């Protein structure tokens, strides 16, 4: 099985920053492609995602479950191009992804959700209420 491509779609500079930080921490460079929605119509954003996904398997990470990034990504995913969409992108998700790209996109999507949940913790100074 070939390695799954990762596409990160987010508002403003968030995608670029997440990708750069993931590369810096992991040392794995060039496997995630950042896409910003800045200045894009819905059609242009979907076209950029479609081009980034390309042939073969890919996983698309978006920042919010609703909004232009998720909407465009779900349109592309519905076209049958083999690109599940995971919302709420985070460093734990992306770090796990870059080290497990030999898994299928569906398995990677499930892992991403698990890693995202596991990476969300509240540290309370006083939990005696």
Protein backbone atom coordinates (compact mmCIF):
# COMPACT_ATOMS: atom_id res chain seq x y z
CA UNK A 1 0.00 0.00 0.00
CA UNK A 2 1.34 3.45 -0.85
CA UNK A 3 1.56 6.19 1.74
CA UNK A 4 -1.47 8.40 2.29
CA UNK A 5 -1.10 12.10 1.51
CA UNK A 6 -2.14 14.67 4.11
CA UNK A 7 -3.85 17.94 3.27
CA UNK A 8 -4.48 20.55 5.97
CA UNK A 9 -7.14 23.15 5.15
CA UNK A 10 -7.76 26.03 7.53
CA UNK A 11 -8.55 29.70 7.93
CA UNK A 12 -5.79 32.27 7.57
CA UNK A 13 -2.28 31.02 8.30
CA UNK A 14 -3.34 28.19 10.57
CA UNK A 15 -2.72 25.36 8.07
CA UNK A 16 0.78 26.60 7.24
CA UNK A 17 1.64 27.04 10.92
CA UNK A 18 0.36 23.57 11.86
CA UNK A 19 2.29 21.94 9.02
CA UNK A 20 5.51 23.82 9.80
CA UNK A 21 5.24 22.96 13.51
CA UNK A 22 4.52 19.29 12.77
CA UNK A 23 7.58 19.18 10.51
CA UNK A 24 9.72 20.89 13.13
CA UNK A 25 8.71 18.47 15.90
CA UNK A 26 8.72 15.26 13.83
CA UNK A 27 11.51 15.88 11.35
CA UNK A 28 9.17 14.53 8.66
CA UNK A 29 9.04 17.12 5.90
CA UNK A 30 6.94 17.39 2.76
CA UNK A 31 4.14 14.95 3.55
CA UNK A 32 1.52 17.51 4.60
CA UNK A 33 0.25 20.19 2.25
CA UNK A 34 -1.24 23.33 3.82
CA UNK A 35 -4.11 25.17 2.14
CA UNK A 36 -5.58 28.46 3.33
CA UNK A 37 -9.08 29.65 2.53
CA UNK A 38 -7.92 33.28 2.51
CA UNK A 39 -9.22 35.06 -0.58
CA UNK A 40 -10.85 31.92 -2.02
CA UNK A 41 -14.35 31.48 -3.30
CA UNK A 42 -15.90 28.10 -2.39
CA UNK A 43 -15.22 26.83 -5.92
CA UNK A 44 -11.57 27.92 -5.87
CA UNK A 45 -11.03 26.39 -2.43
CA UNK A 46 -12.57 23.08 -3.56
CA UNK A 47 -10.35 23.12 -6.67
CA UNK A 48 -7.23 23.67 -4.53
CA UNK A 49 -8.21 20.78 -2.27
CA UNK A 50 -8.97 18.56 -5.27
CA UNK A 51 -5.54 19.33 -6.77
CA UNK A 52 -3.79 18.66 -3.45
CA UNK A 53 -5.60 15.36 -2.93
CA UNK A 54 -4.73 14.16 -6.43
CA UNK A 55 -4.89 10.48 -7.34
CA UNK A 56 -4.62 7.77 -4.72
CA UNK A 57 -5.41 7.98 -1.04
CA UNK A 58 -5.37 11.17 0.97
CA UNK A 59 -6.70 12.43 4.27
CA UNK A 60 -7.97 15.99 4.57
CA UNK A 61 -7.74 17.75 7.92
CA UNK A 62 -9.84 20.89 8.47
CA UNK A 63 -9.94 23.33 11.35
CA UNK A 64 -13.69 23.60 11.99
CA UNK A 65 -16.49 21.10 11.47
CA UNK A 66 -18.52 23.77 9.70
CA UNK A 67 -17.50 26.67 7.53
CA UNK A 68 -15.87 27.09 4.16
CA UNK A 69 -12.91 24.75 4.69
CA UNK A 70 -14.99 21.79 5.84
CA UNK A 71 -17.68 22.43 3.26
CA UNK A 72 -15.19 22.48 0.38
CA UNK A 73 -13.37 19.42 1.72
CA UNK A 74 -16.60 17.44 2.07
CA UNK A 75 -17.57 18.32 -1.50
CA UNK A 76 -14.25 16.95 -2.74
CA UNK A 77 -14.56 13.87 -0.51
CA UNK A 78 -18.07 13.18 -1.82
CA UNK A 79 -16.68 13.03 -5.35
CA UNK A 80 -15.22 9.64 -4.48
CA UNK A 81 -11.59 10.69 -4.62
CA UNK A 82 -10.63 8.65 -1.54
CA UNK A 83 -10.26 11.55 0.84
CA UNK A 84 -11.97 11.30 4.21
CA UNK A 85 -12.27 14.60 6.10
CA UNK A 86 -11.34 15.03 9.77
CA UNK A 87 -12.29 18.26 11.53
CA UNK A 88 -10.68 19.87 14.55
CA UNK A 89 -7.14 19.42 13.27
CA UNK A 90 -4.47 19.47 16.00
CA UNK A 91 -0.79 18.75 16.49
CA UNK A 92 -1.47 15.33 18.10
CA UNK A 93 -3.45 14.32 15.01
CA UNK A 94 -0.83 15.51 12.55
CA UNK A 95 2.10 14.03 14.46
CA UNK A 96 0.44 10.62 14.54
CA UNK A 97 -0.45 10.91 10.86
CA UNK A 98 3.10 11.58 9.63
CA UNK A 99 4.39 8.43 11.34
CA UNK A 100 1.57 6.10 10.24
CA UNK A 101 0.91 7.03 6.61
CA UNK A 102 1.29 3.41 5.55
CA UNK A 103 -2.18 2.73 7.00
CA UNK A 104 -5.27 3.33 4.89
CA UNK A 105 -7.02 6.69 4.91
CA UNK A 106 -10.07 5.33 6.79
CA UNK A 107 -7.87 3.91 9.57
CA UNK A 108 -5.88 7.14 9.69
CA UNK A 109 -9.10 9.13 10.01
CA UNK A 110 -10.19 7.01 12.98
CA UNK A 111 -6.75 7.37 14.59
CA UNK A 112 -6.84 11.14 14.07
CA UNK A 113 -10.09 11.44 15.99
CA UNK A 114 -8.71 9.26 18.80
CA UNK A 115 -5.48 11.29 19.00
CA UNK A 116 -7.44 14.54 18.94
CA UNK A 117 -9.62 13.41 21.84
CA UNK A 118 -6.65 12.03 23.80
CA UNK A 119 -4.77 15.30 23.31
CA UNK A 120 -7.55 17.35 24.88
CA UNK A 121 -7.10 17.51 28.66
CA UNK A 122 -8.13 20.03 31.31
CA UNK A 123 -5.56 20.62 34.05
CA UNK A 124 -7.37 22.19 36.99
CA UNK A 125 -5.45 23.73 39.87
CA UNK A 126 -8.25 23.01 42.32
CA UNK A 127 -10.67 20.24 41.49
CA UNK A 128 -12.25 20.01 44.96
CA UNK A 129 -15.65 21.43 43.97
